[in-house]
Amino acid sequence: MLRLNENPPVVWPQVESIREFEGQWWVAHTKSRNEKALAHDLMAKNLNYFLPLTLKVSRRSHRTLKSMLPLFTGYLFFCGPENDRVELLKTNRVANLLEVTDQESLLKELLRIEQAVRAGVPMTPHKYIATGQLCRVIAGPLLGVEGIVVDHKGAMRLVLQVDMLGQAASVEIDVDMIEPIEASGK
């Protein structure tokens, strides 16, 4: 297990936003438990990636253990030209490379996740939600972020989905900080 300071950065190279990355987005489905190792390999090659991590705290035999885990287990988001894609595959840490057919949609979803990560709000992996109320945050550090609101164990959470993966993450949100987004045509 890596010490907290040995984990790779969430975004490489460290830029203001992943929006600055140039090239085509790909989703690397990594070999088992290779997400952070792949990120370290990409750092060494100076290739762009986005690997959202979340803090997990566990207690074992009177000790508190803290570790950073990938928010989307088994996946790393990579952006670059064709020759960088070949370099990614040379790492031998990728089980499958998923082509992103809707680049704009994936980037929009990843920007939501990036904003939550940079705001430092605690996120946990969440079951992907196909239906629910779509809402927008109207106050606080997540201002403008859109997601689906669910009630989880009595707490309201905003689910941020990545449709291509069929996965999502959620953040706790106060009902006063969101507003419903009206469906078009109503």
N, C-alpha and C. Protein backbone atom coordinates (compact mmCIF):
# COMPACT_ATOMS: atom_id res chain seq x y z
N MET A 1 0.85 -1.18 0.00
CA MET A 1 0.00 0.00 0.00
C MET A 1 0.89 1.24 0.00
N LEU A 2 0.55 2.19 -0.83
CA LEU A 2 1.32 3.43 -0.93
C LEU A 2 1.00 4.36 0.24
N ARG A 3 2.02 5.10 0.68
CA ARG A 3 1.76 6.17 1.64
C ARG A 3 1.00 7.26 0.89
N LEU A 4 0.25 8.06 1.63
CA LEU A 4 -0.58 9.09 0.98
C LEU A 4 0.24 9.99 0.06
N ASN A 5 1.46 10.35 0.47
CA ASN A 5 2.27 11.25 -0.35
C ASN A 5 2.92 10.56 -1.54
N GLU A 6 2.79 9.23 -1.65
CA GLU A 6 3.36 8.49 -2.77
C GLU A 6 2.35 8.25 -3.90
N ASN A 7 1.11 8.64 -3.68
CA ASN A 7 0.09 8.47 -4.70
C ASN A 7 0.33 9.42 -5.86
N PRO A 8 -0.04 8.99 -7.07
CA PRO A 8 0.10 9.89 -8.21
C PRO A 8 -0.90 11.04 -8.11
N PRO A 9 -0.60 12.17 -8.75
CA PRO A 9 -1.59 13.25 -8.76
C PRO A 9 -2.84 12.82 -9.53
N VAL A 10 -3.96 13.43 -9.20
CA VAL A 10 -5.23 13.13 -9.86
C VAL A 10 -5.17 13.52 -11.33
N VAL A 11 -4.51 14.64 -11.63
CA VAL A 11 -4.40 15.15 -12.99
C VAL A 11 -2.92 15.30 -13.34
N TRP A 12 -2.54 14.79 -14.51
CA TRP A 12 -1.15 14.97 -14.98
C TRP A 12 -1.16 15.34 -16.44
N PRO A 13 -0.36 16.32 -16.87
CA PRO A 13 0.39 17.20 -15.99
C PRO A 13 -0.55 18.10 -15.22
N GLN A 14 -0.05 18.67 -14.14
CA GLN A 14 -0.90 19.48 -13.29
C GLN A 14 -1.23 20.80 -14.01
N VAL A 15 -2.49 20.91 -14.39
CA VAL A 15 -3.00 22.07 -15.13
C VAL A 15 -4.19 22.64 -14.37
N GLU A 16 -4.65 23.79 -14.81
CA GLU A 16 -5.82 24.43 -14.19
C GLU A 16 -7.05 23.52 -14.29
N SER A 17 -7.20 22.87 -15.46
CA SER A 17 -8.35 21.99 -15.69
C SER A 17 -8.01 21.00 -16.80
N ILE A 18 -8.64 19.83 -16.74
CA ILE A 18 -8.45 18.83 -17.80
C ILE A 18 -8.98 19.33 -19.14
N ARG A 19 -9.74 20.40 -19.10
CA ARG A 19 -10.25 21.02 -20.32
C ARG A 19 -9.08 21.47 -21.22
N GLU A 20 -7.91 21.72 -20.61
CA GLU A 20 -6.74 22.18 -21.35
C GLU A 20 -6.06 21.06 -22.14
N PHE A 21 -6.37 19.81 -21.83
CA PHE A 21 -5.72 18.69 -22.53
C PHE A 21 -6.10 18.71 -24.00
N GLU A 22 -5.13 18.39 -24.86
CA GLU A 22 -5.38 18.32 -26.30
C GLU A 22 -5.27 16.89 -26.76
N GLY A 23 -6.08 16.55 -27.75
CA GLY A 23 -6.07 15.20 -28.29
C GLY A 23 -7.41 14.54 -28.05
N GLN A 24 -7.41 13.25 -28.25
CA GLN A 24 -8.63 12.47 -28.11
C GLN A 24 -8.65 11.80 -26.74
N TRP A 25 -9.85 11.75 -26.12
CA TRP A 25 -10.01 11.07 -24.84
C TRP A 25 -10.20 9.59 -25.08
N TRP A 26 -9.59 8.80 -24.22
CA TRP A 26 -9.73 7.35 -24.20
C TRP A 26 -9.97 6.93 -22.74
N VAL A 27 -10.61 5.80 -22.56
CA VAL A 27 -10.78 5.25 -21.22
C VAL A 27 -9.96 3.97 -21.16
N ALA A 28 -8.95 3.97 -20.30
CA ALA A 28 -8.11 2.79 -20.13
C ALA A 28 -8.72 1.92 -19.04
N HIS A 29 -9.15 0.71 -19.44
CA HIS A 29 -9.59 -0.28 -18.46
C HIS A 29 -8.33 -1.03 -18.07
N THR A 30 -7.88 -0.81 -16.85
CA THR A 30 -6.58 -1.33 -16.43
C THR A 30 -6.66 -2.79 -16.01
N LYS A 31 -5.51 -3.42 -15.99
CA LYS A 31 -5.41 -4.73 -15.37
C LYS A 31 -5.70 -4.54 -13.89
N SER A 32 -6.06 -5.59 -13.20
CA SER A 32 -6.47 -5.51 -11.81
C SER A 32 -5.47 -4.75 -10.94
N ARG A 33 -5.99 -3.75 -10.22
CA ARG A 33 -5.22 -2.97 -9.26
C ARG A 33 -3.99 -2.29 -9.87
N ASN A 34 -4.10 -1.84 -11.13
CA ASN A 34 -2.99 -1.19 -11.82
C ASN A 34 -3.24 0.29 -12.11
N GLU A 35 -4.31 0.86 -11.59
CA GLU A 35 -4.66 2.24 -11.93
C GLU A 35 -3.55 3.22 -11.55
N LYS A 36 -3.08 3.17 -10.30
CA LYS A 36 -2.07 4.12 -9.85
C LYS A 36 -0.71 3.83 -10.48
N ALA A 37 -0.39 2.56 -10.68
CA ALA A 37 0.88 2.21 -11.35
C ALA A 37 0.88 2.74 -12.78
N LEU A 38 -0.26 2.63 -13.47
CA LEU A 38 -0.37 3.17 -14.82
C LEU A 38 -0.19 4.69 -14.79
N ALA A 39 -0.79 5.34 -13.79
CA ALA A 39 -0.64 6.79 -13.67
C ALA A 39 0.83 7.16 -13.48
N HIS A 40 1.56 6.42 -12.66
CA HIS A 40 2.99 6.69 -12.47
C HIS A 40 3.76 6.49 -13.78
N ASP A 41 3.40 5.44 -14.54
CA ASP A 41 4.04 5.21 -15.84
C ASP A 41 3.78 6.37 -16.80
N LEU A 42 2.54 6.86 -16.81
CA LEU A 42 2.18 7.97 -17.71
C LEU A 42 2.88 9.27 -17.29
N MET A 43 3.06 9.45 -15.98
CA MET A 43 3.81 10.62 -15.50
C MET A 43 5.25 10.57 -16.03
N ALA A 44 5.86 9.38 -15.96
CA ALA A 44 7.24 9.23 -16.43
C ALA A 44 7.36 9.53 -17.92
N LYS A 45 6.30 9.25 -18.68
CA LYS A 45 6.28 9.51 -20.12
C LYS A 45 5.72 10.89 -20.44
N ASN A 46 5.30 11.62 -19.39
CA ASN A 46 4.69 12.95 -19.51
C ASN A 46 3.46 12.93 -20.42
N LEU A 47 2.59 11.94 -20.20
CA LEU A 47 1.34 11.80 -20.95
C LEU A 47 0.16 12.23 -20.07
N ASN A 48 -0.82 12.90 -20.68
CA ASN A 48 -1.98 13.44 -19.97
C ASN A 48 -2.90 12.34 -19.45
N TYR A 49 -3.31 12.46 -18.18
CA TYR A 49 -4.32 11.55 -17.66
C TYR A 49 -5.14 12.23 -16.58
N PHE A 50 -6.28 11.60 -16.26
CA PHE A 50 -7.15 12.02 -15.16
C PHE A 50 -7.52 10.76 -14.41
N LEU A 51 -7.12 10.69 -13.14
CA LEU A 51 -7.40 9.53 -12.28
C LEU A 51 -8.01 10.03 -10.98
N PRO A 52 -9.35 10.16 -10.92
CA PRO A 52 -9.98 10.63 -9.68
C PRO A 52 -9.74 9.62 -8.56
N LEU A 53 -9.24 10.12 -7.44
CA LEU A 53 -8.98 9.29 -6.26
C LEU A 53 -9.85 9.75 -5.11
N THR A 54 -10.17 8.82 -4.21
CA THR A 54 -10.96 9.14 -3.04
C THR A 54 -10.28 8.56 -1.81
N LEU A 55 -10.39 9.25 -0.69
CA LEU A 55 -9.76 8.82 0.55
C LEU A 55 -10.63 7.77 1.23
N LYS A 56 -10.01 6.65 1.59
CA LYS A 56 -10.72 5.61 2.34
C LYS A 56 -10.03 5.47 3.69
N VAL A 57 -10.81 5.56 4.74
CA VAL A 57 -10.29 5.41 6.10
C VAL A 57 -10.85 4.12 6.67
N SER A 58 -9.95 3.25 7.15
CA SER A 58 -10.40 2.00 7.77
C SER A 58 -9.65 1.80 9.09
N ARG A 59 -10.26 1.04 9.96
CA ARG A 59 -9.66 0.77 11.26
C ARG A 59 -9.41 -0.72 11.40
N ARG A 60 -8.14 -1.04 11.72
CA ARG A 60 -7.77 -2.44 11.93
C ARG A 60 -6.90 -2.52 13.18
N SER A 61 -7.26 -3.42 14.03
CA SER A 61 -6.52 -3.68 15.28
C SER A 61 -5.96 -2.40 15.90
N HIS A 62 -6.87 -1.53 16.27
CA HIS A 62 -6.56 -0.29 16.98
C HIS A 62 -5.71 0.70 16.18
N ARG A 63 -5.69 0.53 14.86
CA ARG A 63 -4.94 1.46 13.99
C ARG A 63 -5.90 2.04 12.96
N THR A 64 -5.66 3.28 12.62
CA THR A 64 -6.44 3.91 11.56
C THR A 64 -5.57 3.95 10.31
N LEU A 65 -6.08 3.34 9.24
CA LEU A 65 -5.36 3.32 7.98
C LEU A 65 -6.06 4.24 6.98
N LYS A 66 -5.26 5.06 6.31
CA LYS A 66 -5.80 5.95 5.28
C LYS A 66 -5.16 5.55 3.96
N SER A 67 -6.00 5.42 2.95
CA SER A 67 -5.48 5.10 1.62
C SER A 67 -6.30 5.83 0.57
N MET A 68 -5.64 6.10 -0.54
CA MET A 68 -6.31 6.73 -1.68
C MET A 68 -6.67 5.62 -2.66
N LEU A 69 -7.93 5.56 -3.02
CA LEU A 69 -8.40 4.54 -3.96
C LEU A 69 -9.00 5.21 -5.18
N PRO A 70 -8.88 4.55 -6.34
CA PRO A 70 -9.52 5.11 -7.54
C PRO A 70 -11.03 5.21 -7.33
N LEU A 71 -11.60 6.32 -7.72
CA LEU A 71 -13.04 6.52 -7.60
C LEU A 71 -13.78 5.54 -8.51
N PHE A 72 -13.22 5.29 -9.69
CA PHE A 72 -13.80 4.33 -10.63
C PHE A 72 -12.81 3.18 -10.76
N THR A 73 -13.01 2.16 -9.96
CA THR A 73 -12.09 1.04 -9.91
C THR A 73 -11.87 0.45 -11.29
N GLY A 74 -10.58 0.33 -11.65
CA GLY A 74 -10.22 -0.31 -12.92
C GLY A 74 -10.16 0.64 -14.10
N TYR A 75 -10.34 1.95 -13.89
CA TYR A 75 -10.36 2.88 -15.01
C TYR A 75 -9.46 4.09 -14.78
N LEU A 76 -8.86 4.54 -15.86
CA LEU A 76 -8.07 5.77 -15.90
C LEU A 76 -8.43 6.46 -17.21
N PHE A 77 -8.60 7.78 -17.16
CA PHE A 77 -8.97 8.55 -18.34
C PHE A 77 -7.70 9.16 -18.93
N PHE A 78 -7.52 8.99 -20.22
CA PHE A 78 -6.30 9.39 -20.91
C PHE A 78 -6.67 10.28 -22.09
N CYS A 79 -5.87 11.32 -22.31
CA CYS A 79 -6.13 12.24 -23.42
C CYS A 79 -4.83 12.51 -24.16
N GLY A 80 -4.86 12.30 -25.47
CA GLY A 80 -3.67 12.57 -26.25
C GLY A 80 -3.82 12.14 -27.70
N PRO A 81 -2.77 12.38 -28.49
CA PRO A 81 -2.79 11.98 -29.90
C PRO A 81 -2.51 10.48 -30.04
N GLU A 82 -2.62 9.98 -31.25
CA GLU A 82 -2.46 8.55 -31.54
C GLU A 82 -1.13 7.99 -31.04
N ASN A 83 -0.02 8.71 -31.25
CA ASN A 83 1.28 8.17 -30.82
C ASN A 83 1.36 8.04 -29.29
N ASP A 84 0.66 8.91 -28.53
CA ASP A 84 0.60 8.76 -27.07
C ASP A 84 -0.22 7.54 -26.67
N ARG A 85 -1.26 7.24 -27.45
CA ARG A 85 -2.08 6.05 -27.19
C ARG A 85 -1.22 4.79 -27.30
N VAL A 86 -0.34 4.76 -28.29
CA VAL A 86 0.56 3.62 -28.46
C VAL A 86 1.49 3.50 -27.24
N GLU A 87 1.99 4.64 -26.74
CA GLU A 87 2.85 4.63 -25.55
C GLU A 87 2.09 4.10 -24.33
N LEU A 88 0.82 4.48 -24.21
CA LEU A 88 -0.02 3.98 -23.12
C LEU A 88 -0.10 2.46 -23.17
N LEU A 89 -0.32 1.92 -24.36
CA LEU A 89 -0.46 0.47 -24.51
C LEU A 89 0.85 -0.26 -24.21
N LYS A 90 1.98 0.39 -24.45
CA LYS A 90 3.29 -0.22 -24.18
C LYS A 90 3.56 -0.44 -22.69
N THR A 91 2.78 0.19 -21.82
CA THR A 91 2.99 0.04 -20.38
C THR A 91 2.64 -1.37 -19.90
N ASN A 92 1.87 -2.10 -20.68
CA ASN A 92 1.42 -3.45 -20.33
C ASN A 92 0.57 -3.46 -19.06
N ARG A 93 -0.09 -2.35 -18.77
CA ARG A 93 -0.97 -2.28 -17.60
C ARG A 93 -2.44 -2.12 -18.00
N VAL A 94 -2.70 -2.09 -19.32
CA VAL A 94 -4.05 -1.86 -19.82
C VAL A 94 -4.65 -3.17 -20.32
N ALA A 95 -5.81 -3.53 -19.78
CA ALA A 95 -6.51 -4.72 -20.24
C ALA A 95 -7.29 -4.44 -21.52
N ASN A 96 -7.86 -3.23 -21.61
CA ASN A 96 -8.67 -2.85 -22.75
C ASN A 96 -8.69 -1.33 -22.84
N LEU A 97 -8.67 -0.82 -24.04
CA LEU A 97 -8.76 0.62 -24.25
C LEU A 97 -10.11 0.92 -24.89
N LEU A 98 -10.93 1.69 -24.20
CA LEU A 98 -12.28 1.99 -24.68
C LEU A 98 -12.25 3.28 -25.48
N GLU A 99 -12.73 3.20 -26.71
CA GLU A 99 -12.81 4.37 -27.56
C GLU A 99 -14.01 5.21 -27.14
N VAL A 100 -13.81 6.51 -27.07
CA VAL A 100 -14.88 7.43 -26.67
C VAL A 100 -15.49 8.01 -27.94
N THR A 101 -16.73 7.62 -28.23
CA THR A 101 -17.38 8.10 -29.45
C THR A 101 -17.92 9.51 -29.28
N ASP A 102 -18.36 9.87 -28.07
CA ASP A 102 -18.88 11.21 -27.81
C ASP A 102 -17.91 11.94 -26.89
N GLN A 103 -16.87 12.52 -27.49
CA GLN A 103 -15.82 13.20 -26.76
C GLN A 103 -16.37 14.33 -25.88
N GLU A 104 -17.25 15.13 -26.43
CA GLU A 104 -17.81 16.28 -25.72
C GLU A 104 -18.58 15.86 -24.48
N SER A 105 -19.37 14.82 -24.59
CA SER A 105 -20.18 14.34 -23.48
C SER A 105 -19.29 13.80 -22.35
N LEU A 106 -18.28 13.01 -22.71
CA LEU A 106 -17.39 12.47 -21.68
C LEU A 106 -16.66 13.60 -20.98
N LEU A 107 -16.14 14.57 -21.73
CA LEU A 107 -15.41 15.68 -21.11
C LEU A 107 -16.33 16.45 -20.15
N LYS A 108 -17.56 16.67 -20.54
CA LYS A 108 -18.51 17.38 -19.68
C LYS A 108 -18.71 16.62 -18.36
N GLU A 109 -18.84 15.29 -18.45
CA GLU A 109 -19.02 14.47 -17.24
C GLU A 109 -17.76 14.47 -16.38
N LEU A 110 -16.59 14.38 -17.03
CA LEU A 110 -15.33 14.37 -16.28
C LEU A 110 -15.07 15.72 -15.61
N LEU A 111 -15.48 16.81 -16.25
CA LEU A 111 -15.30 18.13 -15.64
C LEU A 111 -16.10 18.27 -14.34
N ARG A 112 -17.25 17.62 -14.27
CA ARG A 112 -18.04 17.61 -13.03
C ARG A 112 -17.27 16.91 -11.91
N ILE A 113 -16.73 15.75 -12.26
CA ILE A 113 -15.95 14.98 -11.28
C ILE A 113 -14.72 15.77 -10.86
N GLU A 114 -14.04 16.39 -11.83
CA GLU A 114 -12.84 17.17 -11.53
C GLU A 114 -13.17 18.32 -10.58
N GLN A 115 -14.28 19.00 -10.80
CA GLN A 115 -14.66 20.13 -9.95
C GLN A 115 -14.88 19.65 -8.51
N ALA A 116 -15.52 18.52 -8.35
CA ALA A 116 -15.76 17.98 -7.01
C ALA A 116 -14.45 17.57 -6.34
N VAL A 117 -13.54 16.95 -7.10
CA VAL A 117 -12.24 16.55 -6.55
C VAL A 117 -11.45 17.78 -6.11
N ARG A 118 -11.40 18.79 -6.97
CA ARG A 118 -10.64 20.00 -6.65
C ARG A 118 -11.26 20.78 -5.49
N ALA A 119 -12.58 20.67 -5.32
CA ALA A 119 -13.24 21.34 -4.19
C ALA A 119 -12.95 20.62 -2.87
N GLY A 120 -12.43 19.40 -2.96
CA GLY A 120 -12.08 18.66 -1.76
C GLY A 120 -13.25 18.06 -1.02
N VAL A 121 -14.39 17.96 -1.69
CA VAL A 121 -15.55 17.35 -1.03
C VAL A 121 -15.39 15.83 -1.03
N PRO A 122 -15.76 15.17 0.07
CA PRO A 122 -15.62 13.71 0.12
C PRO A 122 -16.55 13.05 -0.91
N MET A 123 -15.99 12.15 -1.70
CA MET A 123 -16.78 11.42 -2.68
C MET A 123 -16.63 9.93 -2.42
N THR A 124 -17.69 9.21 -2.71
CA THR A 124 -17.64 7.76 -2.60
C THR A 124 -18.20 7.17 -3.89
N PRO A 125 -17.69 6.00 -4.29
CA PRO A 125 -18.30 5.34 -5.46
C PRO A 125 -19.78 5.14 -5.17
N HIS A 126 -20.57 5.25 -6.20
CA HIS A 126 -22.02 5.15 -6.04
C HIS A 126 -22.59 4.31 -7.16
N LYS A 127 -23.64 3.59 -6.84
CA LYS A 127 -24.33 2.80 -7.86
C LYS A 127 -24.83 3.75 -8.96
N TYR A 128 -24.64 3.35 -10.21
CA TYR A 128 -25.09 4.16 -11.34
C TYR A 128 -26.61 4.28 -11.33
N ILE A 129 -27.10 5.49 -11.49
CA ILE A 129 -28.54 5.75 -11.44
C ILE A 129 -29.05 6.05 -12.85
N ALA A 130 -30.01 5.27 -13.31
CA ALA A 130 -30.57 5.48 -14.65
C ALA A 130 -31.70 6.51 -14.63
N THR A 131 -32.41 6.57 -13.51
CA THR A 131 -33.51 7.53 -13.42
C THR A 131 -33.37 8.33 -12.13
N GLY A 132 -34.04 9.47 -12.07
CA GLY A 132 -34.00 10.32 -10.87
C GLY A 132 -34.10 11.78 -11.29
N GLN A 133 -34.14 12.62 -10.30
CA GLN A 133 -34.29 14.05 -10.54
C GLN A 133 -32.94 14.68 -10.86
N LEU A 134 -32.86 15.30 -12.02
CA LEU A 134 -31.65 16.02 -12.41
C LEU A 134 -31.69 17.40 -11.75
N CYS A 135 -30.57 17.75 -11.05
CA CYS A 135 -30.51 19.02 -10.35
C CYS A 135 -29.20 19.72 -10.61
N ARG A 136 -29.20 21.01 -10.31
CA ARG A 136 -28.00 21.85 -10.46
C ARG A 136 -27.69 22.48 -9.10
N VAL A 137 -26.42 22.52 -8.74
CA VAL A 137 -26.00 23.16 -7.50
C VAL A 137 -26.02 24.67 -7.70
N ILE A 138 -26.66 25.39 -6.77
CA ILE A 138 -26.83 26.84 -6.91
C ILE A 138 -25.99 27.64 -5.92
N ALA A 139 -25.24 26.96 -5.04
CA ALA A 139 -24.40 27.66 -4.06
C ALA A 139 -23.27 26.75 -3.61
N GLY A 140 -22.22 27.35 -3.10
CA GLY A 140 -21.12 26.58 -2.53
C GLY A 140 -20.04 26.25 -3.55
N PRO A 141 -19.07 25.41 -3.16
CA PRO A 141 -17.92 25.12 -4.02
C PRO A 141 -18.27 24.34 -5.29
N LEU A 142 -19.43 23.70 -5.32
CA LEU A 142 -19.84 22.92 -6.50
C LEU A 142 -20.82 23.69 -7.38
N LEU A 143 -20.88 25.01 -7.21
CA LEU A 143 -21.78 25.86 -7.97
C LEU A 143 -21.77 25.50 -9.45
N GLY A 144 -22.95 25.23 -10.01
CA GLY A 144 -23.08 24.93 -11.43
C GLY A 144 -23.00 23.45 -11.78
N VAL A 145 -22.54 22.61 -10.86
CA VAL A 145 -22.44 21.18 -11.13
C VAL A 145 -23.84 20.58 -11.20
N GLU A 146 -24.05 19.73 -12.19
CA GLU A 146 -25.34 19.07 -12.36
C GLU A 146 -25.21 17.59 -12.06
N GLY A 147 -26.26 17.02 -11.50
CA GLY A 147 -26.28 15.59 -11.20
C GLY A 147 -27.67 15.16 -10.79
N ILE A 148 -27.77 13.91 -10.45
CA ILE A 148 -29.05 13.34 -10.03
C ILE A 148 -29.07 13.24 -8.52
N VAL A 149 -30.14 13.68 -7.91
CA VAL A 149 -30.26 13.66 -6.46
C VAL A 149 -30.90 12.35 -6.01
N VAL A 150 -30.28 11.75 -4.99
CA VAL A 150 -30.82 10.53 -4.39
C VAL A 150 -30.78 10.68 -2.88
N ASP A 151 -31.61 9.91 -2.19
CA ASP A 151 -31.59 9.85 -0.74
C ASP A 151 -30.85 8.57 -0.37
N HIS A 152 -29.74 8.72 0.35
CA HIS A 152 -28.94 7.56 0.75
C HIS A 152 -28.80 7.56 2.26
N LYS A 153 -29.47 6.62 2.91
CA LYS A 153 -29.41 6.48 4.38
C LYS A 153 -29.78 7.78 5.08
N GLY A 154 -30.80 8.44 4.58
CA GLY A 154 -31.29 9.66 5.19
C GLY A 154 -30.54 10.92 4.81
N ALA A 155 -29.50 10.79 4.01
CA ALA A 155 -28.74 11.96 3.58
C ALA A 155 -28.95 12.17 2.09
N MET A 156 -29.08 13.42 1.70
CA MET A 156 -29.24 13.73 0.28
C MET A 156 -27.87 13.74 -0.38
N ARG A 157 -27.76 13.07 -1.52
CA ARG A 157 -26.49 13.00 -2.24
C ARG A 157 -26.73 13.37 -3.69
N LEU A 158 -25.74 14.04 -4.29
CA LEU A 158 -25.78 14.39 -5.70
C LEU A 158 -24.91 13.38 -6.44
N VAL A 159 -25.51 12.65 -7.35
CA VAL A 159 -24.80 11.61 -8.09
C VAL A 159 -24.25 12.21 -9.38
N LEU A 160 -22.93 12.04 -9.58
CA LEU A 160 -22.23 12.53 -10.77
C LEU A 160 -21.90 11.31 -11.62
N GLN A 161 -22.53 11.19 -12.77
CA GLN A 161 -22.43 9.99 -13.59
C GLN A 161 -21.42 10.12 -14.71
N VAL A 162 -20.80 9.00 -15.05
CA VAL A 162 -19.98 8.87 -16.24
C VAL A 162 -20.66 7.78 -17.06
N ASP A 163 -21.53 8.21 -17.99
CA ASP A 163 -22.38 7.29 -18.73
C ASP A 163 -21.59 6.21 -19.46
N MET A 164 -20.47 6.57 -20.06
CA MET A 164 -19.71 5.60 -20.84
C MET A 164 -19.27 4.41 -20.00
N LEU A 165 -18.94 4.65 -18.72
CA LEU A 165 -18.50 3.57 -17.84
C LEU A 165 -19.67 2.86 -17.17
N GLY A 166 -20.83 3.50 -17.16
CA GLY A 166 -21.93 2.93 -16.39
C GLY A 166 -21.60 2.97 -14.91
N GLN A 167 -20.88 4.02 -14.49
CA GLN A 167 -20.50 4.19 -13.09
C GLN A 167 -20.75 5.62 -12.69
N ALA A 168 -20.70 5.84 -11.37
CA ALA A 168 -20.97 7.16 -10.85
C ALA A 168 -20.28 7.34 -9.51
N ALA A 169 -20.25 8.57 -9.05
CA ALA A 169 -19.77 8.91 -7.71
C ALA A 169 -20.80 9.87 -7.13
N SER A 170 -20.81 10.01 -5.80
CA SER A 170 -21.78 10.91 -5.20
C SER A 170 -21.13 11.76 -4.12
N VAL A 171 -21.71 12.93 -3.91
CA VAL A 171 -21.28 13.83 -2.85
C VAL A 171 -22.50 14.20 -2.03
N GLU A 172 -22.30 14.38 -0.71
CA GLU A 172 -23.40 14.81 0.12
C GLU A 172 -23.72 16.26 -0.21
N ILE A 173 -25.01 16.57 -0.26
CA ILE A 173 -25.44 17.91 -0.65
C ILE A 173 -26.64 18.31 0.20
N ASP A 174 -26.71 19.59 0.53
CA ASP A 174 -27.84 20.11 1.29
C ASP A 174 -28.94 20.51 0.31
N VAL A 175 -30.18 20.24 0.65
CA VAL A 175 -31.31 20.51 -0.23
C VAL A 175 -31.39 22.00 -0.60
N ASP A 176 -30.92 22.88 0.26
CA ASP A 176 -30.95 24.31 -0.02
C ASP A 176 -29.92 24.74 -1.05
N MET A 177 -29.00 23.84 -1.42
CA MET A 177 -27.93 24.19 -2.35
C MET A 177 -28.20 23.72 -3.77
N ILE A 178 -29.39 23.15 -4.02
CA ILE A 178 -29.69 22.64 -5.36
C ILE A 178 -31.04 23.14 -5.86
N GLU A 179 -31.19 23.09 -7.18
CA GLU A 179 -32.48 23.40 -7.79
C GLU A 179 -32.71 22.39 -8.91
N PRO A 180 -33.97 21.99 -9.10
CA PRO A 180 -34.27 21.04 -10.18
C PRO A 180 -34.04 21.69 -11.54
N ILE A 181 -33.62 20.86 -12.49
CA ILE A 181 -33.48 21.31 -13.87
C ILE A 181 -34.71 20.83 -14.61
N GLU A 182 -35.43 21.77 -15.19
CA GLU A 182 -36.65 21.43 -15.90
C GLU A 182 -36.31 20.72 -17.21
N ALA A 183 -37.04 19.66 -17.52
CA ALA A 183 -36.86 18.95 -18.78
C ALA A 183 -37.32 19.84 -19.92
N SER A 184 -36.61 19.81 -21.04
CA SER A 184 -36.98 20.65 -22.18
C SER A 184 -38.30 20.17 -22.78
N GLY A 185 -39.08 21.11 -23.24
CA GLY A 185 -40.35 20.79 -23.88
C GLY A 185 -41.52 20.76 -22.92
N LYS A 186 -41.29 21.08 -21.65
CA LYS A 186 -42.40 21.08 -20.67
C LYS A 186 -42.76 22.47 -20.29
